[in-house]
C-alpha atoms as a PDB file:
ATOM      1  CA  UNK A   1     149.114-164.939 -36.454  1.00  0.00           C
ATOM      2  CA  UNK A   2     147.562-161.694 -35.275  1.00  0.00           C
ATOM      3  CA  UNK A   3     145.944-163.613 -32.430  1.00  0.00           C
ATOM      4  CA  UNK A   4     149.321-164.885 -31.187  1.00  0.00           C
ATOM      5  CA  UNK A   5     149.876-162.120 -28.585  1.00  0.00           C
ATOM      6  CA  UNK A   6     146.411-162.714 -27.111  1.00  0.00           C
ATOM      7  CA  UNK A   7     146.905-166.465 -27.120  1.00  0.00           C
ATOM      8  CA  UNK A   8     150.276-165.962 -25.462  1.00  0.00           C
ATOM      9  CA  UNK A   9     148.601-164.179 -22.569  1.00  0.00           C
ATOM     10  CA  UNK A  10     146.143-167.034 -22.171  1.00  0.00           C
ATOM     11  CA  UNK A  11     148.924-169.624 -22.218  1.00  0.00           C
ATOM     12  CA  UNK A  12     150.697-168.308 -19.129  1.00  0.00           C
ATOM     13  CA  UNK A  13     149.703-169.891 -15.851  1.00  0.00           C
ATOM     14  CA  UNK A  14     148.855-173.392 -14.684  1.00  0.00           C
ATOM     15  CA  UNK A  15     145.043-173.004 -14.502  1.00  0.00           C
ATOM     16  CA  UNK A  16     144.966-172.445 -18.251  1.00  0.00           C
ATOM     17  CA  UNK A  17     147.050-175.530 -19.008  1.00  0.00           C
ATOM     18  CA  UNK A  18     143.959-177.724 -18.814  1.00  0.00           C
ATOM     19  CA  UNK A  19     141.915-175.718 -21.308  1.00  0.00           C
ATOM     20  CA  UNK A  20     144.558-176.229 -23.980  1.00  0.00           C
ATOM     21  CA  UNK A  21     143.978-179.976 -23.671  1.00  0.00           C
ATOM     22  CA  UNK A  22     140.384-180.346 -22.424  1.00  0.00           C
ATOM     23  CA  UNK A  23     138.992-177.981 -25.043  1.00  0.00           C
ATOM     24  CA  UNK A  24     141.597-179.103 -27.604  1.00  0.00           C
ATOM     25  CA  UNK A  25     142.593-175.506 -28.296  1.00  0.00           C
ATOM     26  CA  UNK A  26     146.272-176.357 -28.680  1.00  0.00           C
ATOM     27  CA  UNK A  27     145.686-179.124 -31.228  1.00  0.00           C
ATOM     28  CA  UNK A  28     143.225-176.863 -33.078  1.00  0.00           C
ATOM     29  CA  UNK A  29     145.864-174.136 -33.388  1.00  0.00           C
ATOM     30  CA  UNK A  30     148.287-176.727 -34.768  1.00  0.00           C
ATOM     31  CA  UNK A  31     145.628-178.054 -37.162  1.00  0.00           C
ATOM     32  CA  UNK A  32     144.954-174.521 -38.388  1.00  0.00           C
ATOM     33  CA  UNK A  33     148.653-173.996 -39.022  1.00  0.00           C
ATOM     34  CA  UNK A  34     148.821-177.254 -40.995  1.00  0.00           C
ATOM     35  CA  UNK A  35     145.664-176.332 -42.937  1.00  0.00           C
ATOM     36  CA  UNK A  36     146.956-172.937 -44.079  1.00  0.00           C
ATOM     37  CA  UNK A  37     150.523-174.007 -44.786  1.00  0.00           C
ATOM     38  CA  UNK A  38     149.691-175.320 -48.296  1.00  0.00           C
ATOM     39  CA  UNK A  39     148.339-171.847 -49.087  1.00  0.00           C
ATOM     40  CA  UNK A  40     151.434-170.201 -47.612  1.00  0.00           C
ATOM     41  CA  UNK A  41     154.307-172.723 -47.585  1.00  0.00           C
ATOM     42  CA  UNK A  42     156.606-169.906 -46.487  1.00  0.00           C
ATOM     43  CA  UNK A  43     155.150-170.298 -42.965  1.00  0.00           C
ATOM     44  CA  UNK A  44     157.897-172.867 -42.413  1.00  0.00           C
ATOM     45  CA  UNK A  45     160.667-170.669 -43.811  1.00  0.00           C
ATOM     46  CA  UNK A  46     163.212-168.993 -41.566  1.00  0.00           C
ATOM     47  CA  UNK A  47     162.687-165.619 -43.269  1.00  0.00           C
ATOM     48  CA  UNK A  48     158.885-165.525 -42.914  1.00  0.00           C
ATOM     49  CA  UNK A  49     157.699-162.138 -41.640  1.00  0.00           C
ATOM     50  CA  UNK A  50     155.928-163.795 -38.697  1.00  0.00           C
ATOM     51  CA  UNK A  51     158.749-166.224 -37.823  1.00  0.00           C
ATOM     52  CA  UNK A  52     159.151-164.792 -34.305  1.00  0.00           C
ATOM     53  CA  UNK A  53     155.459-165.107 -33.505  1.00  0.00           C
ATOM     54  CA  UNK A  54     155.252-168.574 -35.001  1.00  0.00           C
ATOM     55  CA  UNK A  55     158.253-169.787 -32.993  1.00  0.00           C
ATOM     56  CA  UNK A  56     156.931-168.231 -29.785  1.00  0.00           C
ATOM     57  CA  UNK A  57     153.487-169.747 -30.177  1.00  0.00           C
ATOM     58  CA  UNK A  58     154.777-173.194 -31.101  1.00  0.00           C
ATOM     59  CA  UNK A  59     157.258-173.087 -28.217  1.00  0.00           C
ATOM     60  CA  UNK A  60     154.548-172.227 -25.724  1.00  0.00           C
ATOM     61  CA  UNK A  61     152.234-174.921 -27.013  1.00  0.00           C
ATOM     62  CA  UNK A  62     155.061-177.453 -26.851  1.00  0.00           C
ATOM     63  CA  UNK A  63     155.768-176.405 -23.259  1.00  0.00           C
ATOM     64  CA  UNK A  64     152.119-177.159 -22.486  1.00  0.00           C
ATOM     65  CA  UNK A  65     152.515-180.645 -23.904  1.00  0.00           C
ATOM     66  CA  UNK A  66     150.645-180.151 -27.182  1.00  0.00           C
ATOM     67  CA  UNK A  67     152.214-182.914 -29.261  1.00  0.00           C
ATOM     68  CA  UNK A  68     150.862-181.535 -32.540  1.00  0.00           C
ATOM     69  CA  UNK A  69     152.789-178.316 -31.919  1.00  0.00           C
ATOM     70  CA  UNK A  70     155.946-180.328 -31.345  1.00  0.00           C
ATOM     71  CA  UNK A  71     155.452-182.023 -34.715  1.00  0.00           C
ATOM     72  CA  UNK A  72     155.131-178.601 -36.366  1.00  0.00           C
ATOM     73  CA  UNK A  73     158.213-177.391 -34.537  1.00  0.00           C
ATOM     74  CA  UNK A  74     160.142-180.340 -35.976  1.00  0.00           C
ATOM     75  CA  UNK A  75     158.975-179.404 -39.485  1.00  0.00           C
ATOM     76  CA  UNK A  76     160.160-175.822 -38.974  1.00  0.00           C
ATOM     77  CA  UNK A  77     163.525-177.091 -37.740  1.00  0.00           C
ATOM     78  CA  UNK A  78     163.800-179.448 -40.722  1.00  0.00           C
ATOM     79  CA  UNK A  79     163.177-176.551 -43.096  1.00  0.00           C
ATOM     80  CA  UNK A  80     165.908-174.546 -41.388  1.00  0.00           C
ATOM     81  CA  UNK A  81     168.324-177.442 -41.800  1.00  0.00           C
ATOM     82  CA  UNK A  82     167.418-178.050 -45.461  1.00  0.00           C
ATOM     83  CA  UNK A  83     165.254-175.350 -47.097  1.00  0.00           C
ATOM     84  CA  UNK A  84     165.110-177.381 -50.338  1.00  0.00           C
ATOM     85  CA  UNK A  85     163.242-180.298 -48.795  1.00  0.00           C
ATOM     86  CA  UNK A  86     159.489-180.583 -49.312  1.00  0.00           C
ATOM     87  CA  UNK A  87     157.440-180.576 -46.126  1.00  0.00           C
END
């Protein structure tokens, strides 16, 4: 999550839109998030210390059309709606 501010700078602007898809950077970020979530299930929780960064990064990736990020965003929203459900 410490890389989020740097990644956010890269995300802005149309010329960079292609690299998120052509180099599969967006899906790789989403895959990383999925890979570490079993180690830190609280990543989905509304009170996670990095919630703001996570939401910002997922939102930007979704705006770039990264479908994997949208799927993660839905999981975060589901946790907010029902924190007792298992993701």
